[in-house]
Protein backbone atom coordinates (compact mmCIF):
# COMPACT_ATOMS: atom_id res chain seq x y z
CA MET A 1 0.00 0.00 0.00
CA ALA A 2 1.27 3.48 -0.87
CA LEU A 3 2.20 5.65 2.09
CA GLU A 4 -0.45 8.25 1.26
CA LYS A 5 -3.23 5.64 1.42
CA TYR A 6 -1.79 4.10 4.58
CA VAL A 7 -1.69 7.45 6.40
CA LYS A 8 -5.38 8.00 5.63
CA ILE A 9 -6.30 4.69 7.34
CA PHE A 10 -3.85 4.20 10.20
CA GLY A 11 -2.25 6.37 12.85
CA ALA A 12 1.23 4.82 12.87
CA VAL A 13 3.58 2.57 10.93
CA GLU A 14 6.69 0.60 11.81
CA THR A 15 9.43 1.34 9.28
CA GLN A 16 11.40 -1.84 8.62
CA GLN A 17 13.39 -0.46 5.69
CA THR A 18 15.62 1.19 8.29
CA PHE A 19 16.60 -2.28 9.52
CA TYR A 20 17.75 -3.59 6.15
CA LYS A 21 19.36 -0.54 4.55
CA LEU A 22 21.24 2.59 5.61
CA ILE A 23 18.50 4.72 4.12
CA ASN A 24 19.26 8.17 2.75
CA GLU A 25 18.02 11.06 4.90
CA ASP A 26 16.43 12.73 1.85
CA THR A 27 14.28 9.64 1.33
CA VAL A 28 12.79 9.69 4.82
CA LYS A 29 12.35 13.44 4.65
CA LYS A 30 10.01 12.85 1.70
CA TRP A 31 8.13 10.21 3.72
CA ARG A 32 7.61 12.71 6.52
CA GLU A 33 6.47 15.42 4.12
CA LYS A 34 3.95 13.08 2.45
CA ALA A 35 2.57 12.02 5.84
CA ASP A 36 2.38 15.60 7.15
CA ALA A 37 0.39 16.71 4.10
CA ILE A 38 -2.37 14.29 5.12
CA ASN A 39 -2.00 13.83 8.88
CA PRO A 40 0.66 15.82 10.78
CA ASN A 41 0.04 13.59 13.81
CA PHE A 42 0.85 10.40 11.92
CA GLU A 43 3.60 8.52 13.75
CA PHE A 44 6.52 6.57 12.36
CA THR A 45 8.40 4.12 14.52
CA ILE A 46 11.64 2.69 13.19
CA LYS A 47 13.44 -0.61 13.54
CA ALA A 48 17.14 0.03 14.27
CA HIS A 49 19.64 -1.11 11.65
CA GLN A 50 20.67 -4.76 11.62
CA PHE A 51 24.37 -3.87 11.95
CA ILE A 52 23.55 -3.18 15.60
CA THR A 53 21.62 -6.33 16.46
CA HIS A 54 22.20 -9.07 13.89
CA ALA A 55 25.43 -10.83 12.99
CA PRO A 56 26.07 -11.18 9.24
CA GLY A 57 23.72 -13.80 7.81
CA HIS A 58 20.55 -14.19 5.76
CA THR A 59 19.15 -10.75 6.67
CA TYR A 60 22.31 -9.14 5.28
CA LEU A 61 22.03 -11.20 2.11
CA ARG A 62 18.39 -10.20 1.75
CA ALA A 63 19.50 -6.57 1.84
CA GLY A 64 22.28 -7.19 -0.67
CA ILE A 65 24.99 -6.51 1.92
CA GLU A 66 28.23 -8.46 1.81
CA ILE A 67 30.69 -8.37 4.73
CA ALA A 68 34.20 -9.75 4.35
CA GLU A 69 34.86 -12.83 6.48
CA LYS A 70 37.64 -11.05 8.39
CA ASP A 71 35.21 -8.26 9.41
CA LYS A 72 32.13 -10.27 10.40
CA HIS A 73 33.02 -10.18 14.10
CA LYS A 74 32.56 -6.40 14.05
CA TYR A 75 28.84 -6.46 13.32
CA GLY A 76 25.70 -7.23 15.33
CA TYR A 77 24.97 -8.49 18.85
CA PHE A 78 25.37 -4.93 20.27
CA ARG A 79 29.14 -5.35 19.97
CA PRO A 80 31.34 -2.46 21.17
CA THR A 81 32.64 -1.64 17.69
CA LYS A 82 32.80 1.38 15.43
CA GLU A 83 30.54 -0.39 12.93
CA VAL A 84 27.78 -0.93 15.49
CA PHE A 85 27.87 2.61 16.86
CA ASN A 86 28.04 4.13 13.39
CA ALA A 87 24.84 2.22 12.58
CA TRP A 88 23.26 3.54 15.77
CA GLY A 89 24.27 7.09 14.83
CA HIS A 90 22.66 6.66 11.42
CA THR A 91 19.51 5.23 13.02
CA VAL A 92 19.26 8.30 15.27
CA LYS A 93 19.68 10.67 12.29
CA ILE A 94 16.86 8.93 10.45
CA ALA A 95 14.70 8.95 13.58
CA LYS A 96 15.10 12.71 13.93
CA GLU A 97 14.35 13.31 10.26
CA LEU A 98 11.14 11.27 10.56
CA LYS A 99 10.31 12.91 13.92
CA VAL A 100 9.85 9.52 15.53
CA LYS A 101 9.20 9.01 19.22
CA THR A 102 10.06 5.31 19.34
CA ILE A 103 12.93 3.11 18.17
CA LEU A 104 12.74 -0.69 18.19
CA LEU A 105 15.83 -2.87 18.59
CA GLN A 106 15.10 -6.48 17.68
CA SER A 107 17.72 -9.14 18.38
CA PRO A 108 17.62 -12.59 16.73
CA PRO A 109 17.17 -16.01 18.41
CA SER A 110 20.95 -16.51 18.14
CA PHE A 111 21.48 -13.60 20.56
CA PHE A 112 20.81 -15.30 23.89
CA GLU A 113 21.90 -14.80 27.47
CA ASN A 114 25.59 -15.40 28.10
CA ASP A 115 28.44 -13.41 29.63
CA GLU A 116 29.61 -11.87 26.36
CA ASN A 117 26.17 -10.77 25.25
CA LEU A 118 25.45 -9.31 28.69
CA ARG A 119 28.65 -7.26 28.46
CA ASN A 120 27.66 -6.09 24.99
CA ILE A 121 24.21 -5.01 26.17
CA LYS A 122 25.72 -3.16 29.14
CA ASN A 123 28.32 -1.40 27.00
CA PHE A 124 25.85 -0.45 24.27
CA PHE A 125 23.13 1.06 26.43
CA GLU A 126 25.61 2.80 28.73
CA LYS A 127 27.22 4.44 25.72
CA VAL A 128 23.85 5.34 24.17
CA GLY A 129 22.83 6.90 27.48
CA LYS A 130 19.72 9.00 27.89
CA THR A 131 17.94 9.66 24.60
CA GLU A 132 14.93 11.62 23.43
CA PHE A 133 13.36 8.39 22.16
CA LEU A 134 11.42 5.58 23.74
CA LEU A 135 13.62 2.52 23.24
CA PHE A 136 12.07 -0.93 22.96
CA TRP A 137 14.02 -4.18 22.81
CA GLU A 138 12.54 -7.37 21.36
CA PRO A 139 14.82 -10.21 22.54
CA ARG A 140 13.91 -13.28 20.50
CA GLY A 141 16.64 -15.47 22.00
CA LYS A 142 16.48 -17.28 25.35
CA TRP A 143 16.86 -14.89 28.28
CA ASN A 144 16.01 -15.27 31.95
CA ASP A 145 13.18 -12.96 32.99
CA LYS A 146 15.11 -11.81 36.03
CA THR A 147 18.01 -10.74 33.80
CA LEU A 148 15.70 -8.95 31.39
CA LYS A 149 13.91 -7.08 34.16
CA LYS A 150 17.25 -5.84 35.47
CA ILE A 151 18.32 -4.68 31.99
CA PHE A 152 15.03 -2.89 31.33
CA LYS A 153 15.12 -1.14 34.71
CA THR A 154 18.81 -0.21 34.61
CA TYR A 155 18.78 1.30 31.13
CA LYS A 156 15.19 2.56 31.10
CA ILE A 157 14.16 0.60 28.02
CA TYR A 158 10.93 -1.25 27.36
CA HIS A 159 10.02 -4.81 26.47
CA CYS A 160 8.60 -5.54 23.00
CA VAL A 161 6.67 -8.81 22.74
CA ASP A 162 4.14 -10.84 20.82
CA PRO A 163 1.30 -10.58 23.37
CA LEU A 164 -0.21 -13.92 22.38
CA LYS A 165 3.04 -15.62 23.37
CA ARG A 166 4.11 -13.77 26.51
CA LYS A 167 3.40 -10.78 28.72
CA PRO A 168 5.69 -7.74 28.66
CA LEU A 169 8.06 -7.33 31.60
CA THR A 170 7.78 -3.53 31.61
CA ASN A 171 4.87 -1.19 32.19
CA ASN A 172 3.42 2.10 31.01
CA TYR A 173 4.57 1.87 27.37
CA PHE A 174 3.84 -1.19 25.23
CA TYR A 175 4.96 -2.39 21.82
CA PHE A 176 3.25 -5.51 20.47
CA ARG A 177 4.48 -7.23 17.29
CA LEU A 178 2.32 -10.00 15.83
CA HIS A 179 4.58 -12.21 13.71
CA GLY A 180 2.00 -14.67 12.42
CA GLY A 181 3.69 -17.87 13.60
CA GLU A 182 5.89 -20.05 11.44
CA ARG A 183 6.79 -18.41 8.12
CA TYR A 184 4.53 -15.46 9.04
CA ARG A 185 1.52 -17.23 7.50
CA HIS A 186 -1.05 -17.11 10.30
CA ASN A 187 -4.19 -15.07 9.75
CA TYR A 188 -5.45 -13.76 13.07
CA THR A 189 -8.98 -14.75 14.03
CA GLN A 190 -11.55 -12.34 15.40
CA GLU A 191 -11.20 -14.06 18.78
CA GLU A 192 -7.43 -13.48 18.78
CA LEU A 193 -7.84 -9.84 17.82
CA GLU A 194 -10.36 -9.37 20.61
CA GLU A 195 -7.92 -11.01 23.04
CA ILE A 196 -5.17 -8.59 21.98
CA PHE A 197 -7.51 -5.62 22.36
CA SER A 198 -8.53 -6.85 25.82
CA MET A 199 -4.86 -7.10 26.84
CA VAL A 200 -4.16 -3.56 25.69
CA SER A 201 -7.23 -2.25 27.50
CA LYS A 202 -6.32 -3.95 30.78
CA LEU A 203 -2.67 -2.88 30.69
CA GLY A 204 -3.53 0.82 30.46
CA GLY A 205 -0.41 2.98 30.49
CA GLU A 206 0.64 5.95 28.40
CA LYS A 207 0.80 4.35 24.97
CA ALA A 208 0.49 0.98 23.22
CA TYR A 209 1.63 0.14 19.71
CA VAL A 210 0.14 -2.88 17.94
CA PHE A 211 1.83 -3.87 14.68
CA PHE A 212 1.24 -6.90 12.47
CA ASN A 213 4.24 -8.51 10.82
CA ASN A 214 2.57 -11.43 9.04
CA LEU A 215 1.87 -11.96 5.36
CA ASN A 216 -1.73 -10.86 5.90
CA MET A 217 -0.68 -7.82 7.93
CA LEU A 218 -2.78 -5.24 6.07
CA ARG A 219 -6.06 -7.10 6.40
CA ASP A 220 -5.41 -8.08 10.03
CA ALA A 221 -4.45 -4.51 10.90
CA GLN A 222 -7.64 -3.19 9.31
CA LYS A 223 -9.71 -5.72 11.25
CA PHE A 224 -7.99 -4.73 14.47
CA LEU A 225 -8.48 -1.03 13.76
CA LYS A 226 -12.19 -1.66 13.18
CA LEU A 227 -12.35 -3.43 16.52
CA VAL A 228 -10.60 -0.55 18.29
CA SER A 229 -12.86 2.04 16.67
CA LYS A 230 -15.95 0.08 17.67
CA ASN A 231 -14.90 -0.05 21.33
CA ILE A 232 -13.62 3.49 21.79
CA VAL A 233 -16.28 6.14 22.24
């Protein structure tokens, strides 16, 4: 769907292009201008670049990015490298150009709890420090809840989850991503959408994002929006 049509229907969009490519600032400036012409309150969220979170692999290949074997250890997993922090700096520039409030950092299943990854997380968020953005982390690897709670509290970041699989470990701000199960093929039923809406309603808080990341994302998002509109006076 073209951005102009999307802005007329929805109030926010998650920008995944920022994960795959180091997008030109002029490009996102045009996105912002197109959105503002229709709805100045339309919100972009962005997914931080994969150089920060993902080691070289299939997501790099999908984006047409080739990293020399000798340099692969410099990328992903929040490593304390120039390459990772350059990617963060670019992500922040794009976020400011799009006037975003929220940045998502999604780590892959291969990024799980161990001493090295804990050190990387500590180093990364300490160096990032206080930002003007809401930062959400979606850890898809195996992490102990006690460890995650400590990380979220220490660095003032929030927990992104698929709400049908687990509850968030942070409060007040929520970011739900519906991946559609294996191969992203699941079409959400009306009962599931009502369950998600009920969760959001009970959690309360300042803000909740609900984004669909399945193959049928547009239709499911429209169904969910209809449900929200029906229940909000």
